[in-house]
Amino acid sequence: MTATKHYREIPAFQLETLPERKPHRYPFYLVLVKWAFAILGNIFPKTAAKLAFRIFTTPRLRAVHKKTDDLIERARIFEILYGKTILKGYEWGRGERTVLLVHGWESRGTAMRSFVPGLVQAGFRVVAFDGPAHGNSGGKQTNLPDFAGAVRAVLNQVGPVQAIITHSFGGSTTVFALAHLDNTIEVGKLVLIAVPASTRKVVNDFTRFLGLPSRAVAELKKIFHKKVGGLSFEETDLLQSLGKARVGEVLVVHDKFDPSVPFDSAEAIFEKYDHASLLVTQGHGHYFLMKHREVINGVIKFVNGEEEALFS
């Protein structure tokens, strides 16, 4: 059966009441960091690249819950040995169909629990986990192929999944896992919430932020190239990798005013793939859209095979 593309835009969310964004001012120490990288990068480009890669792959913080709630308390906890790292997992429901939740950078599995009640009510078993160097899992650093390896390890542990719901970096790593680490894994439904289409752009934005000289940038790209098994930047882009993954239907969810991942990422994925549909919000940013009731209900309908109800 030929896939049908859908598009839906949720009405604007009180855009007139949103505070105006103030011009961003970086702390003075960041000026010193950029100055140091400018000097080091010209004299010792390899050393600067190694240091930059370490910064790029080290989460600045571990997400914690300031207070617990019923969903967190009811989660069944399990652990997975991933290399030398212990990954912490969470499980709700006992349905025969399984949905995996994959969180983004500097987040944690239980941060996506807003989808759990509706999925469990629809008869699904829901699984989440804390990625390497995130939440309660082990490790201090992680990167695209490492986090993707953790996704693959969880998929192998929890068994076949009906759907995977991802957010931001979690979408990039999931597609990398399905396209480049284990192409035998089949997923019926994939949800990409606020996910960047281009790995290359993320890395380029980072190098510009640090003010890395061109020689250091070239060395950094060599490190990245080695870490991803010799793949080019284009091959690691989600926009390219998605076509190699064995995925049925894709739902792209994005806010038009996302300050972290520009909306054109969602547009590019939607336009390129015939099996991709697009759900658009306005005024919910990069994180809050996962708590928007219409988004939650829409994602659950999509996962449960109710696309017509979602896009009618």
C-alpha atoms as a PDB file:
ATOM      1  CA  MET A   1       0.000   0.000   0.000  1.00  0.00           C
ATOM      2  CA  THR A   2       1.352   3.446  -0.915  1.00  0.00           C
ATOM      3  CA  ALA A   3       2.187   5.689   2.037  1.00  0.00           C
ATOM      4  CA  THR A   4       0.096   8.833   2.445  1.00  0.00           C
ATOM      5  CA  LYS A   5       1.681  12.106   3.540  1.00  0.00           C
ATOM      6  CA  HIS A   6      -0.221  14.186   6.085  1.00  0.00           C
ATOM      7  CA  TYR A   7       0.223  17.712   7.405  1.00  0.00           C
ATOM      8  CA  ARG A   8      -1.468  19.348  10.366  1.00  0.00           C
ATOM      9  CA  GLU A   9      -0.809  22.601  12.177  1.00  0.00           C
ATOM     10  CA  ILE A  10      -2.045  23.024  15.751  1.00  0.00           C
ATOM     11  CA  PRO A  11      -3.407  26.561  16.341  1.00  0.00           C
ATOM     12  CA  ALA A  12      -1.014  29.106  17.816  1.00  0.00           C
ATOM     13  CA  PHE A  13      -0.502  28.912  21.563  1.00  0.00           C
ATOM     14  CA  GLN A  14      -1.022  32.390  23.032  1.00  0.00           C
ATOM     15  CA  LEU A  15       1.778  33.804  20.922  1.00  0.00           C
ATOM     16  CA  GLU A  16       0.840  37.323  21.931  1.00  0.00           C
ATOM     17  CA  THR A  17       1.606  36.541  25.594  1.00  0.00           C
ATOM     18  CA  LEU A  18       5.048  35.043  25.009  1.00  0.00           C
ATOM     19  CA  PRO A  19       7.827  37.259  26.422  1.00  0.00           C
ATOM     20  CA  GLU A  20      10.147  38.863  23.938  1.00  0.00           C
ATOM     21  CA  ARG A  21      13.498  37.133  23.701  1.00  0.00           C
ATOM     22  CA  LYS A  22      16.291  39.263  25.132  1.00  0.00           C
ATOM     23  CA  PRO A  23      19.563  39.457  23.211  1.00  0.00           C
ATOM     24  CA  HIS A  24      21.735  36.588  24.404  1.00  0.00           C
ATOM     25  CA  ARG A  25      24.873  37.580  26.277  1.00  0.00           C
ATOM     26  CA  TYR A  26      27.479  34.957  26.903  1.00  0.00           C
ATOM     27  CA  PRO A  27      29.283  34.862  30.255  1.00  0.00           C
ATOM     28  CA  PHE A  28      32.699  36.509  30.193  1.00  0.00           C
ATOM     29  CA  TYR A  29      34.464  33.182  30.754  1.00  0.00           C
ATOM     30  CA  LEU A  30      33.170  31.967  27.383  1.00  0.00           C
ATOM     31  CA  VAL A  31      34.958  34.876  25.748  1.00  0.00           C
ATOM     32  CA  LEU A  32      38.147  33.616  27.387  1.00  0.00           C
ATOM     33  CA  VAL A  33      37.418  30.048  26.235  1.00  0.00           C
ATOM     34  CA  LYS A  34      36.959  31.167  22.635  1.00  0.00           C
ATOM     35  CA  TRP A  35      40.125  33.236  22.849  1.00  0.00           C
ATOM     36  CA  ALA A  36      42.034  30.216  24.196  1.00  0.00           C
ATOM     37  CA  PHE A  37      40.720  27.951  21.432  1.00  0.00           C
ATOM     38  CA  ALA A  38      41.666  30.531  18.799  1.00  0.00           C
ATOM     39  CA  ILE A  39      45.278  30.498  19.996  1.00  0.00           C
ATOM     40  CA  LEU A  40      45.519  26.770  20.746  1.00  0.00           C
ATOM     41  CA  GLY A  41      43.780  25.837  17.503  1.00  0.00           C
ATOM     42  CA  ASN A  42      46.343  27.644  15.403  1.00  0.00           C
ATOM     43  CA  ILE A  43      49.415  26.392  17.263  1.00  0.00           C
ATOM     44  CA  PHE A  44      48.275  22.874  18.243  1.00  0.00           C
ATOM     45  CA  PRO A  45      45.217  22.054  16.088  1.00  0.00           C
ATOM     46  CA  LYS A  46      45.118  18.358  17.058  1.00  0.00           C
ATOM     47  CA  THR A  47      45.169  19.160  20.773  1.00  0.00           C
ATOM     48  CA  ALA A  48      42.469  21.794  20.319  1.00  0.00           C
ATOM     49  CA  ALA A  49      40.338  19.330  18.338  1.00  0.00           C
ATOM     50  CA  LYS A  50      40.638  16.632  21.016  1.00  0.00           C
ATOM     51  CA  LEU A  51      39.648  19.110  23.713  1.00  0.00           C
ATOM     52  CA  ALA A  52      36.747  20.412  21.627  1.00  0.00           C
ATOM     53  CA  PHE A  53      35.501  16.866  21.001  1.00  0.00           C
ATOM     54  CA  ARG A  54      35.636  16.164  24.734  1.00  0.00           C
ATOM     55  CA  ILE A  55      33.529  19.249  25.422  1.00  0.00           C
ATOM     56  CA  PHE A  56      31.127  18.344  22.602  1.00  0.00           C
ATOM     57  CA  THR A  57      30.566  14.819  23.972  1.00  0.00           C
ATOM     58  CA  THR A  58      30.298  15.656  27.682  1.00  0.00           C
ATOM     59  CA  PRO A  59      26.828  16.573  28.991  1.00  0.00           C
ATOM     60  CA  ARG A  60      27.001  19.694  31.141  1.00  0.00           C
ATOM     61  CA  LEU A  61      24.499  18.272  33.604  1.00  0.00           C
ATOM     62  CA  ARG A  62      22.472  15.192  34.483  1.00  0.00           C
ATOM     63  CA  ALA A  63      18.749  15.766  34.430  1.00  0.00           C
ATOM     64  CA  VAL A  64      17.092  15.012  37.771  1.00  0.00           C
ATOM     65  CA  HIS A  65      13.494  15.223  38.915  1.00  0.00           C
ATOM     66  CA  LYS A  66      12.980  17.852  41.604  1.00  0.00           C
ATOM     67  CA  LYS A  67      10.084  15.786  42.892  1.00  0.00           C
ATOM     68  CA  THR A  68       8.667  12.365  42.180  1.00  0.00           C
ATOM     69  CA  ASP A  69       5.198  11.487  40.942  1.00  0.00           C
ATOM     70  CA  ASP A  70       2.979   8.452  40.507  1.00  0.00           C
ATOM     71  CA  LEU A  71       4.339   7.559  37.067  1.00  0.00           C
ATOM     72  CA  ILE A  72       7.921   7.585  38.283  1.00  0.00           C
ATOM     73  CA  GLU A  73       7.000   5.545  41.345  1.00  0.00           C
ATOM     74  CA  ARG A  74       5.095   2.962  39.289  1.00  0.00           C
ATOM     75  CA  ALA A  75       7.899   2.387  36.769  1.00  0.00           C
ATOM     76  CA  ARG A  76       9.444  -1.088  36.844  1.00  0.00           C
ATOM     77  CA  ILE A  77      13.197  -0.568  36.952  1.00  0.00           C
ATOM     78  CA  PHE A  78      15.633  -2.736  35.013  1.00  0.00           C
ATOM     79  CA  GLU A  79      19.286  -2.555  33.998  1.00  0.00           C
ATOM     80  CA  ILE A  80      21.178  -3.368  30.802  1.00  0.00           C
ATOM     81  CA  LEU A  81      24.907  -3.971  30.553  1.00  0.00           C
ATOM     82  CA  TYR A  82      26.130  -1.987  27.550  1.00  0.00           C
ATOM     83  CA  GLY A  83      29.843  -2.587  27.180  1.00  0.00           C
ATOM     84  CA  LYS A  84      31.184  -1.536  30.570  1.00  0.00           C
ATOM     85  CA  THR A  85      28.261   0.822  31.174  1.00  0.00           C
ATOM     86  CA  ILE A  86      25.105   0.065  33.146  1.00  0.00           C
ATOM     87  CA  LEU A  87      22.039   1.582  31.518  1.00  0.00           C
ATOM     88  CA  LYS A  88      19.011   2.271  33.702  1.00  0.00           C
ATOM     89  CA  GLY A  89      15.669   1.315  32.179  1.00  0.00           C
ATOM     90  CA  TYR A  90      12.020   1.977  33.030  1.00  0.00           C
ATOM     91  CA  GLU A  91       8.900   0.048  32.060  1.00  0.00           C
ATOM     92  CA  TRP A  92       5.144   0.606  32.303  1.00  0.00           C
ATOM     93  CA  GLY A  93       2.204  -1.522  31.181  1.00  0.00           C
ATOM     94  CA  ARG A  94       2.145  -5.160  30.087  1.00  0.00           C
ATOM     95  CA  GLY A  95       0.696  -5.004  26.597  1.00  0.00           C
ATOM     96  CA  GLU A  96       1.915  -7.290  23.836  1.00  0.00           C
ATOM     97  CA  ARG A  97       2.926  -4.299  21.687  1.00  0.00           C
ATOM     98  CA  THR A  98       5.964  -2.324  22.867  1.00  0.00           C
ATOM     99  CA  VAL A  99       6.804   1.362  22.435  1.00  0.00           C
ATOM    100  CA  LEU A 100      10.312   2.671  23.166  1.00  0.00           C
ATOM    101  CA  LEU A 101      10.919   6.261  24.321  1.00  0.00           C
ATOM    102  CA  VAL A 102      14.330   7.779  23.496  1.00  0.00           C
ATOM    103  CA  HIS A 103      15.216  11.070  25.193  1.00  0.00           C
ATOM    104  CA  GLY A 104      17.444  13.896  24.001  1.00  0.00           C
ATOM    105  CA  TRP A 105      20.733  15.464  25.077  1.00  0.00           C
ATOM    106  CA  GLU A 106      21.039  16.292  28.805  1.00  0.00           C
ATOM    107  CA  SER A 107      17.630  14.741  29.475  1.00  0.00           C
ATOM    108  CA  ARG A 108      16.523  11.339  30.797  1.00  0.00           C
ATOM    109  CA  GLY A 109      14.089   8.560  29.967  1.00  0.00           C
ATOM    110  CA  THR A 110      11.433   9.519  32.501  1.00  0.00           C
ATOM    111  CA  ALA A 111      11.326  13.064  31.090  1.00  0.00           C
ATOM    112  CA  MET A 112       9.176  11.601  28.295  1.00  0.00           C
ATOM    113  CA  ARG A 113       6.665   9.988  30.659  1.00  0.00           C
ATOM    114  CA  SER A 114       3.869  12.306  29.473  1.00  0.00           C
ATOM    115  CA  PHE A 115       3.214   9.727  26.736  1.00  0.00           C
ATOM    116  CA  VAL A 116       2.986   6.790  29.147  1.00  0.00           C
ATOM    117  CA  PRO A 117      -0.618   6.970  30.474  1.00  0.00           C
ATOM    118  CA  GLY A 118      -2.231   7.187  27.045  1.00  0.00           C
ATOM    119  CA  LEU A 119      -0.028   4.481  25.568  1.00  0.00           C
ATOM    120  CA  VAL A 120      -0.676   2.097  28.459  1.00  0.00           C
ATOM    121  CA  GLN A 121      -4.402   2.794  28.205  1.00  0.00           C
ATOM    122  CA  ALA A 122      -4.195   1.945  24.487  1.00  0.00           C
ATOM    123  CA  GLY A 123      -2.743  -1.437  25.440  1.00  0.00           C
ATOM    124  CA  PHE A 124       0.967  -0.835  24.953  1.00  0.00           C
ATOM    125  CA  ARG A 125       3.948  -1.768  27.044  1.00  0.00           C
ATOM    126  CA  VAL A 126       6.152   1.333  27.303  1.00  0.00           C
ATOM    127  CA  VAL A 127       9.919   1.258  27.812  1.00  0.00           C
ATOM    128  CA  ALA A 128      12.325   4.150  28.407  1.00  0.00           C
ATOM    129  CA  PHE A 129      15.961   4.331  29.425  1.00  0.00           C
ATOM    130  CA  ASP A 130      18.647   6.784  30.457  1.00  0.00           C
ATOM    131  CA  GLY A 131      21.289   7.049  27.740  1.00  0.00           C
ATOM    132  CA  PRO A 132      25.019   6.764  28.455  1.00  0.00           C
ATOM    133  CA  ALA A 133      26.250   9.645  30.652  1.00  0.00           C
ATOM    134  CA  HIS A 134      22.623  10.656  31.260  1.00  0.00           C
ATOM    135  CA  GLY A 135      20.174  10.270  34.123  1.00  0.00           C
ATOM    136  CA  ASN A 136      20.994   7.316  36.352  1.00  0.00           C
ATOM    137  CA  SER A 137      23.024   5.450  33.730  1.00  0.00           C
ATOM    138  CA  GLY A 138      26.785   5.141  33.893  1.00  0.00           C
ATOM    139  CA  GLY A 139      29.399   6.981  31.884  1.00  0.00           C
ATOM    140  CA  LYS A 140      30.696  10.524  31.684  1.00  0.00           C
ATOM    141  CA  GLN A 141      30.819  11.062  27.927  1.00  0.00           C
ATOM    142  CA  THR A 142      28.810   9.909  24.938  1.00  0.00           C
ATOM    143  CA  ASN A 143      28.438  10.653  21.250  1.00  0.00           C
ATOM    144  CA  LEU A 144      26.231   9.818  18.271  1.00  0.00           C
ATOM    145  CA  PRO A 145      27.401   6.220  17.609  1.00  0.00           C
ATOM    146  CA  ASP A 146      27.812   5.456  21.317  1.00  0.00           C
ATOM    147  CA  PHE A 147      24.287   6.586  22.210  1.00  0.00           C
ATOM    148  CA  ALA A 148      23.001   4.808  19.093  1.00  0.00           C
ATOM    149  CA  GLY A 149      24.668   1.634  20.327  1.00  0.00           C
ATOM    150  CA  ALA A 150      22.750   2.008  23.573  1.00  0.00           C
ATOM    151  CA  VAL A 151      19.495   2.310  21.592  1.00  0.00           C
ATOM    152  CA  ARG A 152      20.356  -0.909  19.783  1.00  0.00           C
ATOM    153  CA  ALA A 153      21.225  -2.656  23.072  1.00  0.00           C
ATOM    154  CA  VAL A 154      17.865  -1.661  24.559  1.00  0.00           C
ATOM    155  CA  LEU A 155      15.999  -2.800  21.445  1.00  0.00           C
ATOM    156  CA  ASN A 156      17.753  -6.178  21.625  1.00  0.00           C
ATOM    157  CA  GLN A 157      16.863  -6.459  25.303  1.00  0.00           C
ATOM    158  CA  VAL A 158      13.188  -5.469  25.222  1.00  0.00           C
ATOM    159  CA  GLY A 159      12.314  -7.345  22.049  1.00  0.00           C
ATOM    160  CA  PRO A 160      10.499  -6.219  18.890  1.00  0.00           C
ATOM    161  CA  VAL A 161       8.916  -2.788  19.173  1.00  0.00           C
ATOM    162  CA  GLN A 162       5.833  -1.458  17.448  1.00  0.00           C
ATOM    163  CA  ALA A 163       7.024   2.138  17.637  1.00  0.00           C
ATOM    164  CA  ILE A 164       9.794   4.415  18.845  1.00  0.00           C
ATOM    165  CA  ILE A 165       9.075   7.933  20.093  1.00  0.00           C
ATOM    166  CA  THR A 166      12.150  10.169  20.109  1.00  0.00           C
ATOM    167  CA  HIS A 167      13.092  13.695  21.071  1.00  0.00           C
ATOM    168  CA  SER A 168      15.907  15.804  19.606  1.00  0.00           C
ATOM    169  CA  PHE A 169      19.297  14.014  19.882  1.00  0.00           C
ATOM    170  CA  GLY A 170      17.378  10.823  20.669  1.00  0.00           C
ATOM    171  CA  GLY A 171      15.943  10.894  17.152  1.00  0.00           C
ATOM    172  CA  SER A 172      19.371  11.318  15.581  1.00  0.00           C
ATOM    173  CA  THR A 173      20.799   8.395  17.541  1.00  0.00           C
ATOM    174  CA  THR A 174      17.796   6.156  16.886  1.00  0.00           C
ATOM    175  CA  VAL A 175      17.948   6.644  13.130  1.00  0.00           C
ATOM    176  CA  PHE A 176      21.726   6.115  13.196  1.00  0.00           C
ATOM    177  CA  ALA A 177      21.191   2.829  15.061  1.00  0.00           C
ATOM    178  CA  LEU A 178      18.525   1.606  12.639  1.00  0.00           C
ATOM    179  CA  ALA A 179      20.401   2.694   9.511  1.00  0.00           C
ATOM    180  CA  HIS A 180      24.040   1.975  10.359  1.00  0.00           C
ATOM    181  CA  LEU A 181      24.293  -0.358  13.370  1.00  0.00           C
ATOM    182  CA  ASP A 182      21.589  -2.959  12.736  1.00  0.00           C
ATOM    183  CA  ASN A 183      19.603  -2.704   9.531  1.00  0.00           C
ATOM    184  CA  THR A 184      17.695  -5.898  10.377  1.00  0.00           C
ATOM    185  CA  ILE A 185      15.613  -4.129  13.041  1.00  0.00           C
ATOM    186  CA  GLU A 186      12.143  -3.220  11.775  1.00  0.00           C
ATOM    187  CA  VAL A 187       9.987  -0.518  13.362  1.00  0.00           C
ATOM    188  CA  GLY A 188       6.421   0.107  12.272  1.00  0.00           C
ATOM    189  CA  LYS A 189       6.134   3.686  13.550  1.00  0.00           C
ATOM    190  CA  LEU A 190       8.806   6.284  14.285  1.00  0.00           C
ATOM    191  CA  VAL A 191       8.110   9.655  15.906  1.00  0.00           C
ATOM    192  CA  LEU A 192      10.722  12.404  15.525  1.00  0.00           C
ATOM    193  CA  ILE A 193      10.035  15.293  17.912  1.00  0.00           C
ATOM    194  CA  ALA A 194      12.194  18.410  17.421  1.00  0.00           C
ATOM    195  CA  VAL A 195      14.936  16.353  15.764  1.00  0.00           C
ATOM    196  CA  PRO A 196      17.787  17.938  13.766  1.00  0.00           C
ATOM    197  CA  ALA A 197      17.983  16.781  10.155  1.00  0.00           C
ATOM    198  CA  SER A 198      21.713  17.448   9.807  1.00  0.00           C
ATOM    199  CA  THR A 199      24.522  16.187  12.044  1.00  0.00           C
ATOM    200  CA  ARG A 200      26.928  18.265   9.995  1.00  0.00           C
ATOM    201  CA  LYS A 201      25.071  21.470  10.878  1.00  0.00           C
ATOM    202  CA  VAL A 202      25.139  20.617  14.602  1.00  0.00           C
ATOM    203  CA  VAL A 203      28.910  20.118  14.476  1.00  0.00           C
ATOM    204  CA  ASN A 204      29.466  23.238  12.376  1.00  0.00           C
ATOM    205  CA  ASP A 205      27.389  25.329  14.791  1.00  0.00           C
ATOM    206  CA  PHE A 206      29.495  23.994  17.659  1.00  0.00           C
ATOM    207  CA  THR A 207      32.801  24.835  15.979  1.00  0.00           C
ATOM    208  CA  ARG A 208      31.581  28.358  15.215  1.00  0.00           C
ATOM    209  CA  PHE A 209      30.436  28.750  18.815  1.00  0.00           C
ATOM    210  CA  LEU A 210      33.933  27.854  20.059  1.00  0.00           C
ATOM    211  CA  GLY A 211      35.587  29.939  17.385  1.00  0.00           C
ATOM    212  CA  LEU A 212      37.788  27.034  16.280  1.00  0.00           C
ATOM    213  CA  PRO A 213      40.322  27.914  13.563  1.00  0.00           C
ATOM    214  CA  SER A 214      39.992  26.011  10.289  1.00  0.00           C
ATOM    215  CA  ARG A 215      42.970  23.734  11.013  1.00  0.00           C
ATOM    216  CA  ALA A 216      41.420  22.616  14.303  1.00  0.00           C
ATOM    217  CA  VAL A 217      38.018  22.162  12.635  1.00  0.00           C
ATOM    218  CA  ALA A 218      39.611  19.854  10.076  1.00  0.00           C
ATOM    219  CA  GLU A 219      41.178  17.776  12.882  1.00  0.00           C
ATOM    220  CA  LEU A 220      37.877  17.653  14.772  1.00  0.00           C
ATOM    221  CA  LYS A 221      36.104  16.340  11.690  1.00  0.00           C
ATOM    222  CA  LYS A 222      38.767  13.626  11.389  1.00  0.00           C
ATOM    223  CA  ILE A 223      37.978  12.526  14.952  1.00  0.00           C
ATOM    224  CA  PHE A 224      34.267  12.490  14.235  1.00  0.00           C
ATOM    225  CA  HIS A 225      34.852  10.618  10.975  1.00  0.00           C
ATOM    226  CA  LYS A 226      36.756   7.910  12.866  1.00  0.00           C
ATOM    227  CA  LYS A 227      34.138   7.653  15.632  1.00  0.00           C
ATOM    228  CA  VAL A 228      31.325   7.014  13.146  1.00  0.00           C
ATOM    229  CA  GLY A 229      33.189   4.203  11.424  1.00  0.00           C
ATOM    230  CA  GLY A 230      34.422   6.149   8.427  1.00  0.00           C
ATOM    231  CA  LEU A 231      31.036   7.524   7.370  1.00  0.00           C
ATOM    232  CA  SER A 232      30.919  10.979   5.842  1.00  0.00           C
ATOM    233  CA  PHE A 233      29.005  13.818   7.476  1.00  0.00           C
ATOM    234  CA  GLU A 234      26.340  13.502   4.797  1.00  0.00           C
ATOM    235  CA  GLU A 235      25.899   9.792   5.576  1.00  0.00           C
ATOM    236  CA  THR A 236      25.399  10.499   9.286  1.00  0.00           C
ATOM    237  CA  ASP A 237      22.749  13.145   8.631  1.00  0.00           C
ATOM    238  CA  LEU A 238      19.313  11.923   9.647  1.00  0.00           C
ATOM    239  CA  LEU A 239      18.004  13.323   6.376  1.00  0.00           C
ATOM    240  CA  GLN A 240      20.116  10.761   4.516  1.00  0.00           C
ATOM    241  CA  SER A 241      20.147   7.908   7.046  1.00  0.00           C
ATOM    242  CA  LEU A 242      16.383   7.652   7.416  1.00  0.00           C
ATOM    243  CA  GLY A 243      16.105   6.194   3.935  1.00  0.00           C
ATOM    244  CA  LYS A 244      18.311   3.258   4.975  1.00  0.00           C
ATOM    245  CA  ALA A 245      16.310   2.391   8.110  1.00  0.00           C
ATOM    246  CA  ARG A 246      13.558  -0.226   7.994  1.00  0.00           C
ATOM    247  CA  VAL A 247      10.802   2.051   9.254  1.00  0.00           C
ATOM    248  CA  GLY A 248       7.144   1.989   8.239  1.00  0.00           C
ATOM    249  CA  GLU A 249       5.546   5.375   8.919  1.00  0.00           C
ATOM    250  CA  VAL A 250       7.265   8.481  10.313  1.00  0.00           C
ATOM    251  CA  LEU A 251       5.625  11.322  12.233  1.00  0.00           C
ATOM    252  CA  VAL A 252       7.667  14.521  12.457  1.00  0.00           C
ATOM    253  CA  VAL A 253       6.597  16.863  15.278  1.00  0.00           C
ATOM    254  CA  HIS A 254       8.159  20.319  15.442  1.00  0.00           C
ATOM    255  CA  ASP A 255       7.449  23.826  16.657  1.00  0.00           C
ATOM    256  CA  LYS A 256       7.724  26.674  14.163  1.00  0.00           C
ATOM    257  CA  PHE A 257       9.601  28.746  16.725  1.00  0.00           C
ATOM    258  CA  ASP A 258      11.937  26.078  18.150  1.00  0.00           C
ATOM    259  CA  PRO A 259      15.011  28.032  19.368  1.00  0.00           C
ATOM    260  CA  SER A 260      17.235  24.941  19.520  1.00  0.00           C
ATOM    261  CA  VAL A 261      16.484  23.061  16.293  1.00  0.00           C
ATOM    262  CA  PRO A 262      15.187  25.257  13.440  1.00  0.00           C
ATOM    263  CA  PHE A 263      11.867  24.311  11.863  1.00  0.00           C
ATOM    264  CA  ASP A 264      13.495  23.802   8.474  1.00  0.00           C
ATOM    265  CA  SER A 265      14.808  20.468   9.794  1.00  0.00           C
ATOM    266  CA  ALA A 266      11.241  19.185  10.025  1.00  0.00           C
ATOM    267  CA  GLU A 267      10.351  20.611   6.631  1.00  0.00           C
ATOM    268  CA  ALA A 268      13.348  18.916   5.003  1.00  0.00           C
ATOM    269  CA  ILE A 269      12.448  15.480   6.412  1.00  0.00           C
ATOM    270  CA  PHE A 270       8.776  15.898   5.490  1.00  0.00           C
ATOM    271  CA  GLU A 271       9.561  16.941   1.935  1.00  0.00           C
ATOM    272  CA  LYS A 272      12.121  14.199   1.304  1.00  0.00           C
ATOM    273  CA  TYR A 273      10.201  11.133   2.483  1.00  0.00           C
ATOM    274  CA  ASP A 274       6.834   9.926   1.189  1.00  0.00           C
ATOM    275  CA  HIS A 275       6.199   7.956   4.393  1.00  0.00           C
ATOM    276  CA  ALA A 276       6.640  11.026   6.625  1.00  0.00           C
ATOM    277  CA  SER A 277       3.823  13.161   8.050  1.00  0.00           C
ATOM    278  CA  LEU A 278       4.198  16.486   9.849  1.00  0.00           C
ATOM    279  CA  LEU A 279       2.497  17.816  12.992  1.00  0.00           C
ATOM    280  CA  VAL A 280       3.324  21.472  13.684  1.00  0.00           C
ATOM    281  CA  THR A 281       2.951  23.510  16.863  1.00  0.00           C
ATOM    282  CA  GLN A 282       3.424  27.230  17.414  1.00  0.00           C
ATOM    283  CA  GLY A 283       4.869  28.712  20.595  1.00  0.00           C
ATOM    284  CA  HIS A 284       5.829  25.491  22.403  1.00  0.00           C
ATOM    285  CA  GLY A 285       9.550  25.641  21.802  1.00  0.00           C
ATOM    286  CA  HIS A 286      11.881  22.664  21.987  1.00  0.00           C
ATOM    287  CA  TYR A 287      10.651  20.938  25.148  1.00  0.00           C
ATOM    288  CA  PHE A 288       7.179  22.101  26.101  1.00  0.00           C
ATOM    289  CA  LEU A 289       5.553  20.603  23.013  1.00  0.00           C
ATOM    290  CA  MET A 290       6.020  17.132  24.585  1.00  0.00           C
ATOM    291  CA  LYS A 291       3.629  18.193  27.333  1.00  0.00           C
ATOM    292  CA  HIS A 292       1.042  19.694  24.985  1.00  0.00           C
ATOM    293  CA  ARG A 293      -2.142  17.643  25.241  1.00  0.00           C
ATOM    294  CA  GLU A 294      -2.860  17.733  21.498  1.00  0.00           C
ATOM    295  CA  VAL A 295       0.680  16.603  20.689  1.00  0.00           C
ATOM    296  CA  ILE A 296       0.509  13.765  23.219  1.00  0.00           C
ATOM    297  CA  ASN A 297      -2.871  12.601  21.914  1.00  0.00           C
ATOM    298  CA  GLY A 298      -1.716  12.973  18.317  1.00  0.00           C
ATOM    299  CA  VAL A 299       1.418  10.900  18.850  1.00  0.00           C
ATOM    300  CA  ILE A 300      -0.581   8.172  20.585  1.00  0.00           C
ATOM    301  CA  LYS A 301      -3.117   8.092  17.738  1.00  0.00           C
ATOM    302  CA  PHE A 302      -0.294   7.803  15.234  1.00  0.00           C
ATOM    303  CA  VAL A 303       1.391   4.969  17.133  1.00  0.00           C
ATOM    304  CA  ASN A 304      -1.959   3.199  17.480  1.00  0.00           C
ATOM    305  CA  GLY A 305      -2.643   3.356  13.745  1.00  0.00           C
ATOM    306  CA  GLU A 306      -5.233   6.163  13.897  1.00  0.00           C
ATOM    307  CA  GLU A 307      -3.628   8.534  11.405  1.00  0.00           C
ATOM    308  CA  GLU A 308      -6.942   9.481   9.831  1.00  0.00           C
ATOM    309  CA  ALA A 309      -8.276  10.622  13.221  1.00  0.00           C
ATOM    310  CA  LEU A 310      -5.080  12.601  13.840  1.00  0.00           C
ATOM    311  CA  PHE A 311      -5.078  14.443  10.521  1.00  0.00           C
ATOM    312  CA  SER A 312      -8.796  14.759   9.867  1.00  0.00           C
END
